Amino acid sequence: MHFVFHIDATDGAARTGAITMPRGTIRTPAFMPVGTAATVKAMYPGQVRDLGADVVLGNTYHLMLRPGPERMARLGGLHHFMNWPHPILTDSGGFQVMSLSALRKLDEQGVTFRSHVDGSTHHMSPERSIEIQGLLGSDIQMQLDECVRLPADHATIERAMHLSLRWAERCRVAFGEQPGKAMFGIVQGGDVPALRVESARALTDLDLKGYAIGGLAVGEPQAVMLAMIETVEPYLPANKPRYLMGVGTPDDLLCSVARGIDMFDCVMPTRAGRHGLAYTRHGRINLRNARHAEDTRPLDEASACPAARDYSRAYLHHLVRSDEILGMMLLTWNNLSYYQDLMAGMRRAIAEGRLAAFSEETRAAWARAEAERAAP
């Protein structure tokens, strides 16, 4: 079986369809839970799958440091290692190298950096990034790029964008032909429209199997992120999947799907769950707040997820305030369930030609609940 993307329905710029590949089908728009170190934190793999996730994300930087790509290959690859037989997308490691590692040195050949784990020195070239992702057994592999935090000056953004383009060409050569798998390029260019367009045009000329928009959700306002999506979207092939990296809040997802994005990943639902914050149909609920101490209502009585339906807010408040592991598990379960339900709702709405109405109804429900919580 080959890597195939097809679109079943559109609603304005929004699309719903599927990516088919040997390890399974990814329904789009898709949210990919982040499994940084071969685990979606606080979740069993079967739980993640049962919530509706078709694909998870693994992190090249973390997995190259431990357990190591060669060891991972000897152990049968990432799918076998973490008991996830479905598609896995791996990022290139570039963002983590830039944000986590100490004493990094960037040049044309790649980046040399010191591990945040033990201080050991490593070199990541475009070719090595693709080699590592291959050893992991990743189904969708990302090019190595340089991600610049915003705000940044024009010269810095332009230099990083051109370097990322040269690295994309090297990654494509290193990836070669791998039937049933894909390598995606990453559009860079910060918040400069002309640079974004130049990057998208050049990557499209490489005829890759998919395209990501990177370097957003790194400190800029949502309006800037959405403007960059609108700038780039017309220059990306309509018949290839579009992936917005590291995004985002439920509202970010609604806005971005409406602008033609097909794939997302973000640590937000899992990280928030570990810190006492629940995402629900009723908006965000901070279980640390004392107001929940005697609230016998569940997070969402209508949810199919047991974490949202079968436990009182008072109990969840107690678990969170007591730093009990179960609280982290239940809220992560709830949050990933909500994110997958939101994506499923958008897929249905696009198929029915009513995404705008669905988004309006969803936001209205958040607003009503927020108003009720704010009332004396």
Protein backbone atom coordinates (compact mmCIF):
# COMPACT_ATOMS: atom_id res chain seq x y z
CA MET A 1 0.00 0.00 0.00
CA HIS A 2 1.20 3.49 -0.84
CA PHE A 3 0.87 6.78 1.03
CA VAL A 4 -2.34 8.31 -0.35
CA PHE A 5 -4.24 11.45 0.66
CA HIS A 6 -7.77 12.03 -0.55
CA ILE A 7 -10.35 14.72 0.19
CA ASP A 8 -13.96 13.64 0.67
CA ALA A 9 -15.64 17.01 1.20
CA THR A 10 -14.85 20.71 1.47
CA ASP A 11 -16.55 23.62 3.20
CA GLY A 12 -14.91 26.87 2.17
CA ALA A 13 -11.18 26.31 2.67
CA ALA A 14 -11.81 23.49 5.16
CA ARG A 15 -11.39 19.90 4.00
CA THR A 16 -12.17 16.47 5.40
CA GLY A 17 -10.67 13.28 4.05
CA ALA A 18 -8.07 10.69 4.95
CA ILE A 19 -4.45 9.65 4.63
CA THR A 20 -4.10 5.95 3.94
CA MET A 21 -0.86 4.12 4.54
CA PRO A 22 0.23 0.58 5.42
CA ARG A 23 -0.21 0.96 9.18
CA GLY A 24 -3.66 2.51 8.97
CA THR A 25 -5.85 5.42 7.97
CA ILE A 26 -5.61 8.92 9.43
CA ARG A 27 -8.93 10.74 9.27
CA THR A 28 -8.50 14.45 8.61
CA PRO A 29 -8.65 16.99 10.11
CA ALA A 30 -6.62 15.05 12.67
CA PHE A 31 -5.21 15.86 16.10
CA MET A 32 -2.09 13.87 16.97
CA PRO A 33 -1.49 13.27 20.69
CA VAL A 34 2.14 13.93 21.55
CA GLY A 35 4.09 10.86 22.65
CA THR A 36 7.40 12.61 23.23
CA ALA A 37 9.43 9.77 24.76
CA ALA A 38 7.51 6.79 23.32
CA THR A 39 4.53 7.47 25.60
CA VAL A 40 1.56 9.79 25.66
CA LYS A 41 2.05 10.90 29.24
CA ALA A 42 -0.41 9.46 31.79
CA MET A 43 -2.21 7.36 29.15
CA TYR A 44 -2.24 3.72 28.07
CA PRO A 45 -1.81 3.26 24.29
CA GLY A 46 -5.15 1.47 24.09
CA GLN A 47 -6.88 4.40 25.75
CA VAL A 48 -5.39 6.82 23.24
CA ARG A 49 -6.62 4.66 20.38
CA ASP A 50 -10.10 4.19 21.87
CA LEU A 51 -10.54 7.96 22.08
CA GLY A 52 -10.26 8.14 18.28
CA ALA A 53 -6.59 8.92 17.68
CA ASP A 54 -5.38 7.49 14.38
CA VAL A 55 -1.76 8.68 14.74
CA VAL A 56 0.57 9.82 17.51
CA LEU A 57 3.71 11.95 17.42
CA GLY A 58 7.14 10.83 18.60
CA ASN A 59 10.06 13.14 19.28
CA THR A 60 13.34 12.50 17.47
CA TYR A 61 15.46 14.59 19.86
CA HIS A 62 14.30 12.83 23.02
CA LEU A 63 14.35 9.34 21.52
CA MET A 64 17.83 9.80 20.05
CA LEU A 65 19.12 10.63 23.54
CA ARG A 66 17.34 7.71 25.21
CA PRO A 67 16.96 4.90 24.48
CA GLY A 68 18.84 5.78 21.26
CA PRO A 69 17.83 5.09 17.64
CA GLU A 70 20.13 2.12 17.05
CA ARG A 71 18.89 0.44 20.21
CA MET A 72 15.31 1.22 19.19
CA ALA A 73 15.88 -0.49 15.85
CA ARG A 74 17.34 -3.56 17.58
CA LEU A 75 14.25 -3.67 19.79
CA GLY A 76 11.94 -3.79 16.78
CA GLY A 77 11.23 -0.10 16.18
CA LEU A 78 9.08 2.49 17.90
CA HIS A 79 5.71 0.93 17.03
CA HIS A 80 6.61 -2.38 18.66
CA PHE A 81 8.48 -0.70 21.52
CA MET A 82 5.49 1.39 22.66
CA ASN A 83 2.77 -1.06 21.59
CA TRP A 84 1.25 1.32 19.03
CA PRO A 85 0.79 -0.54 15.72
CA HIS A 86 -0.83 2.47 14.04
CA PRO A 87 0.78 5.39 12.18
CA ILE A 88 3.46 7.46 13.92
CA LEU A 89 4.75 10.87 12.84
CA THR A 90 8.12 11.94 14.15
CA ASP A 91 9.34 15.51 14.25
CA SER A 92 12.90 16.16 13.15
CA GLY A 93 14.31 17.14 16.53
CA GLY A 94 15.19 20.63 15.34
CA PHE A 95 12.83 22.53 17.62
CA GLN A 96 14.01 20.71 20.74
CA VAL A 97 17.65 21.17 19.80
CA MET A 98 17.02 24.91 19.58
CA SER A 99 14.93 25.17 22.74
CA LEU A 100 16.29 22.56 25.18
CA SER A 101 19.94 21.92 24.49
CA ALA A 102 22.84 23.89 25.92
CA LEU A 103 25.85 25.23 24.00
CA ARG A 104 24.45 24.51 20.55
CA LYS A 105 26.38 25.51 17.43
CA LEU A 106 24.55 25.90 14.16
CA ASP A 107 26.17 25.83 10.73
CA GLU A 108 25.44 24.71 7.18
CA GLN A 109 26.12 21.07 7.98
CA GLY A 110 23.68 20.88 10.89
CA VAL A 111 23.68 21.59 14.60
CA THR A 112 26.06 20.40 17.30
CA PHE A 113 24.53 20.46 20.76
CA ARG A 114 24.94 19.28 24.30
CA SER A 115 22.29 16.94 25.70
CA HIS A 116 20.01 18.32 28.39
CA VAL A 117 20.00 14.83 29.92
CA ASP A 118 23.68 14.17 30.61
CA GLY A 119 25.68 16.92 28.90
CA SER A 120 27.02 14.63 26.15
CA THR A 121 27.77 16.20 22.75
CA HIS A 122 25.82 15.25 19.61
CA HIS A 123 25.66 16.37 15.99
CA MET A 124 22.39 16.47 14.07
CA SER A 125 22.62 16.93 10.32
CA PRO A 126 19.65 16.73 7.94
CA GLU A 127 20.86 13.29 6.89
CA ARG A 128 21.25 12.08 10.49
CA SER A 129 17.77 13.34 11.39
CA ILE A 130 16.24 11.28 8.57
CA GLU A 131 18.44 8.30 9.48
CA ILE A 132 17.24 8.44 13.10
CA GLN A 133 13.61 8.68 12.05
CA GLY A 134 14.14 5.67 9.79
CA LEU A 135 15.68 3.67 12.64
CA LEU A 136 12.68 4.53 14.77
CA GLY A 137 10.45 3.21 11.97
CA SER A 138 8.44 6.43 11.62
CA ASP A 139 5.67 6.49 9.01
CA ILE A 140 5.74 10.27 8.47
CA GLN A 141 9.12 11.93 8.87
CA MET A 142 9.80 15.64 9.10
CA GLN A 143 12.68 17.53 7.54
CA LEU A 144 15.28 19.13 9.83
CA ASP A 145 14.67 22.87 10.01
CA GLU A 146 15.66 25.88 12.06
CA CYS A 147 12.75 27.24 14.06
CA VAL A 148 13.12 30.90 15.08
CA ARG A 149 11.22 32.20 18.08
CA LEU A 150 9.13 35.29 17.42
CA PRO A 151 9.54 38.20 17.53
CA ALA A 152 12.80 38.17 15.55
CA ASP A 153 14.45 40.53 13.10
CA HIS A 154 14.02 40.13 9.34
CA ALA A 155 17.61 39.06 8.70
CA THR A 156 17.45 36.26 11.28
CA ILE A 157 14.14 34.97 9.91
CA GLU A 158 15.37 35.09 6.31
CA ARG A 159 18.64 33.30 7.09
CA ALA A 160 16.82 30.52 8.97
CA MET A 161 14.24 30.12 6.20
CA HIS A 162 16.88 29.69 3.48
CA LEU A 163 18.90 27.31 5.63
CA SER A 164 15.75 25.25 6.23
CA LEU A 165 15.13 25.08 2.47
CA ARG A 166 18.64 23.79 1.82
CA TRP A 167 18.20 21.25 4.59
CA ALA A 168 14.85 20.18 3.07
CA GLU A 169 16.59 19.28 -0.18
CA ARG A 170 19.18 17.22 1.69
CA CYS A 171 16.46 15.50 3.72
CA ARG A 172 14.60 14.59 0.54
CA VAL A 173 17.72 12.96 -0.90
CA ALA A 174 18.42 11.14 2.38
CA PHE A 175 14.82 9.91 2.59
CA GLY A 176 14.84 8.59 -0.96
CA GLU A 177 11.94 6.37 -1.94
CA GLN A 178 10.23 4.59 0.94
CA PRO A 179 6.96 3.03 -0.25
CA GLY A 180 4.10 3.60 2.15
CA LYS A 181 5.99 6.29 4.08
CA ALA A 182 6.30 10.04 3.67
CA MET A 183 8.61 12.94 4.34
CA PHE A 184 7.07 16.37 4.91
CA GLY A 185 8.74 19.72 4.30
CA ILE A 186 8.31 22.61 6.73
CA VAL A 187 7.39 26.12 5.60
CA GLN A 188 9.33 28.72 7.58
CA GLY A 189 9.55 32.49 7.32
CA GLY A 190 8.41 33.75 10.70
CA ASP A 191 5.84 36.52 10.51
CA VAL A 192 7.10 37.88 7.16
CA PRO A 193 4.55 37.08 4.41
CA ALA A 194 7.00 37.33 1.50
CA LEU A 195 9.40 34.89 3.15
CA ARG A 196 6.56 32.46 3.90
CA VAL A 197 5.49 32.53 0.26
CA GLU A 198 9.07 32.04 -0.95
CA SER A 199 9.48 29.05 1.39
CA ALA A 200 6.17 27.47 0.33
CA ARG A 201 6.96 27.87 -3.38
CA ALA A 202 10.41 26.33 -3.06
CA LEU A 203 9.18 23.39 -0.99
CA THR A 204 6.35 22.73 -3.44
CA ASP A 205 8.96 22.44 -6.20
CA LEU A 206 10.47 19.52 -4.26
CA ASP A 207 7.20 17.57 -4.77
CA LEU A 208 7.05 16.15 -1.25
CA LYS A 209 4.18 14.03 0.07
CA GLY A 210 3.03 16.63 2.60
CA TYR A 211 3.76 20.10 3.89
CA ALA A 212 3.89 21.55 7.38
CA ILE A 213 3.75 25.13 8.55
CA GLY A 214 6.33 25.56 11.28
CA GLY A 215 7.61 28.38 13.43
CA LEU A 216 4.19 29.44 14.70
CA ALA A 217 2.70 29.22 18.20
CA VAL A 218 6.14 30.36 19.40
CA GLY A 219 5.09 33.56 21.11
CA GLU A 220 3.16 35.46 18.46
CA PRO A 221 -0.55 36.44 18.88
CA GLN A 222 -3.19 34.17 17.36
CA ALA A 223 -4.01 36.81 14.74
CA VAL A 224 -0.44 36.64 13.41
CA MET A 225 -0.57 32.85 13.25
CA LEU A 226 -3.85 32.90 11.34
CA ALA A 227 -2.56 35.57 8.95
CA MET A 228 0.45 33.39 8.14
CA ILE A 229 -1.79 30.38 7.48
CA GLU A 230 -3.88 32.49 5.10
CA THR A 231 -0.70 33.70 3.41
CA VAL A 232 0.74 30.22 2.90
CA GLU A 233 -2.35 28.14 2.11
CA PRO A 234 -2.81 29.27 -1.52
CA TYR A 235 0.77 28.20 -2.31
CA LEU A 236 0.50 24.67 -0.92
CA PRO A 237 -0.74 21.88 -3.20
CA ALA A 238 -4.43 21.22 -2.63
CA ASN A 239 -3.90 17.47 -3.05
CA LYS A 240 -1.30 17.16 -0.26
CA PRO A 241 -1.88 17.16 3.52
CA ARG A 242 -1.17 20.36 5.44
CA TYR A 243 0.15 20.13 8.99
CA LEU A 244 0.27 23.06 11.45
CA MET A 245 2.99 22.16 13.94
CA GLY A 246 2.61 22.61 17.69
CA VAL A 247 -0.95 24.00 17.64
CA GLY A 248 -2.94 24.45 19.79
CA THR A 249 -5.96 25.53 21.84
CA PRO A 250 -9.43 24.30 20.84
CA ASP A 251 -10.13 27.73 19.35
CA ASP A 252 -6.85 27.57 17.40
CA LEU A 253 -8.02 24.27 15.93
CA LEU A 254 -11.40 25.67 14.88
CA CYS A 255 -9.78 28.70 13.26
CA SER A 256 -7.05 26.73 11.51
CA VAL A 257 -9.29 23.99 10.12
CA ALA A 258 -11.47 26.73 8.62
CA ARG A 259 -8.32 27.94 6.83
CA GLY A 260 -7.48 24.58 5.27
CA ILE A 261 -5.25 22.80 7.81
CA ASP A 262 -5.50 18.99 7.98
CA MET A 263 -3.20 17.92 10.84
CA PHE A 264 -2.22 19.22 14.27
CA ASP A 265 -0.17 18.25 17.30
CA CYS A 266 0.21 19.95 20.66
CA VAL A 267 1.26 19.08 24.21
CA MET A 268 -1.46 21.38 25.56
CA PRO A 269 -4.18 18.81 26.42
CA THR A 270 -1.76 16.41 28.13
CA ARG A 271 0.27 19.11 29.89
CA ALA A 272 -2.87 20.89 31.07
CA GLY A 273 -4.25 17.62 32.42
CA ARG A 274 -1.14 17.10 34.53
CA HIS A 275 -1.59 20.58 36.00
CA GLY A 276 -5.27 20.41 36.92
CA LEU A 277 -6.88 22.03 33.87
CA ALA A 278 -9.74 20.34 32.01
CA TYR A 279 -10.91 21.11 28.47
CA THR A 280 -14.64 20.46 28.03
CA ARG A 281 -17.74 21.43 26.08
CA HIS A 282 -18.20 23.91 28.92
CA GLY A 283 -14.86 25.58 28.29
CA ARG A 284 -11.74 25.32 30.44
CA ILE A 285 -12.23 24.24 34.04
CA ASN A 286 -9.43 24.76 36.55
CA LEU A 287 -9.87 21.98 39.10
CA ARG A 288 -7.43 23.65 41.49
CA ASN A 289 -10.00 26.32 42.28
CA ALA A 290 -11.65 26.00 45.70
CA ARG A 291 -15.10 26.52 44.13
CA HIS A 292 -15.01 22.88 42.99
CA ALA A 293 -14.40 21.42 46.48
CA GLU A 294 -18.06 20.42 46.95
CA ASP A 295 -19.25 20.34 43.34
CA THR A 296 -20.84 16.93 42.75
CA ARG A 297 -21.30 17.44 39.01
CA PRO A 298 -19.05 15.59 36.56
CA LEU A 299 -17.00 17.53 34.02
CA ASP A 300 -19.48 16.58 31.29
CA GLU A 301 -22.43 14.31 31.97
CA ALA A 302 -22.98 13.81 28.22
CA SER A 303 -19.44 12.70 27.42
CA ALA A 304 -18.66 9.14 26.34
CA CYS A 305 -15.37 9.38 28.25
CA PRO A 306 -15.55 7.86 31.75
CA ALA A 307 -13.11 10.44 33.09
CA ALA A 308 -15.47 13.25 32.12
CA ARG A 309 -18.70 11.45 33.02
CA ASP A 310 -18.14 9.25 36.07
CA TYR A 311 -16.14 11.37 38.53
CA SER A 312 -17.30 14.46 40.39
CA ARG A 313 -15.52 17.78 40.11
CA ALA A 314 -15.12 17.62 43.89
CA TYR A 315 -13.20 14.35 43.60
CA LEU A 316 -11.05 15.67 40.76
CA HIS A 317 -10.36 18.81 42.80
CA HIS A 318 -9.27 16.63 45.72
CA LEU A 319 -6.95 14.57 43.52
CA VAL A 320 -5.38 17.64 41.96
CA ARG A 321 -4.87 19.46 45.25
CA SER A 322 -3.39 16.26 46.75
CA ASP A 323 -1.02 15.79 43.79
CA GLU A 324 -2.39 12.32 43.23
CA ILE A 325 -1.30 10.59 40.02
CA LEU A 326 -4.88 9.52 39.33
CA GLY A 327 -5.90 13.16 38.97
CA MET A 328 -3.33 13.64 36.21
CA MET A 329 -4.47 10.46 34.50
CA LEU A 330 -8.17 11.31 34.59
CA LEU A 331 -7.75 14.89 33.40
CA THR A 332 -5.39 13.88 30.59
CA TRP A 333 -7.91 11.23 29.55
CA ASN A 334 -10.68 13.83 29.60
CA ASN A 335 -8.67 16.39 27.65
CA LEU A 336 -7.59 14.04 24.87
CA SER A 337 -11.17 12.80 24.64
CA TYR A 338 -12.42 16.35 24.22
CA TYR A 339 -9.83 17.14 21.56
CA GLN A 340 -10.70 14.00 19.57
CA ASP A 341 -14.43 14.72 19.91
CA LEU A 342 -13.82 18.26 18.65
CA MET A 343 -11.98 16.94 15.59
CA ALA A 344 -14.72 14.37 14.90
CA GLY A 345 -17.32 17.12 15.19
CA MET A 346 -15.43 19.26 12.68
CA ARG A 347 -15.10 16.35 10.24
CA ARG A 348 -18.88 15.78 10.37
CA ALA A 349 -19.60 19.49 10.07
CA ILE A 350 -17.37 19.88 7.00
CA ALA A 351 -19.04 16.88 5.36
CA GLU A 352 -22.43 18.52 6.03
CA GLY A 353 -21.29 21.97 4.88
CA ARG A 354 -21.87 23.55 8.27
CA LEU A 355 -18.44 24.15 9.79
CA ALA A 356 -19.13 27.83 10.47
CA ALA A 357 -22.31 26.97 12.38
CA PHE A 358 -20.52 24.21 14.31
CA SER A 359 -17.74 26.60 15.30
CA GLU A 360 -20.23 29.27 16.36
CA GLU A 361 -22.19 26.76 18.47
CA THR A 362 -19.01 25.46 20.07
CA ARG A 363 -17.76 28.92 20.99
CA ALA A 364 -21.20 29.92 22.29
CA ALA A 365 -21.22 26.92 24.64
CA TRP A 366 -17.78 27.91 25.98
CA ALA A 367 -18.95 31.49 26.48
CA ARG A 368 -22.18 30.53 28.29
CA ALA A 369 -20.32 28.34 30.73
CA GLU A 370 -17.66 30.98 31.35
CA ALA A 371 -20.37 33.55 32.06
CA GLU A 372 -22.07 31.19 34.53
CA ARG A 373 -18.77 30.57 36.35
CA ALA A 374 -18.11 34.31 36.56
CA ALA A 375 -21.56 35.05 38.01
CA PRO A 376 -21.67 35.70 41.80
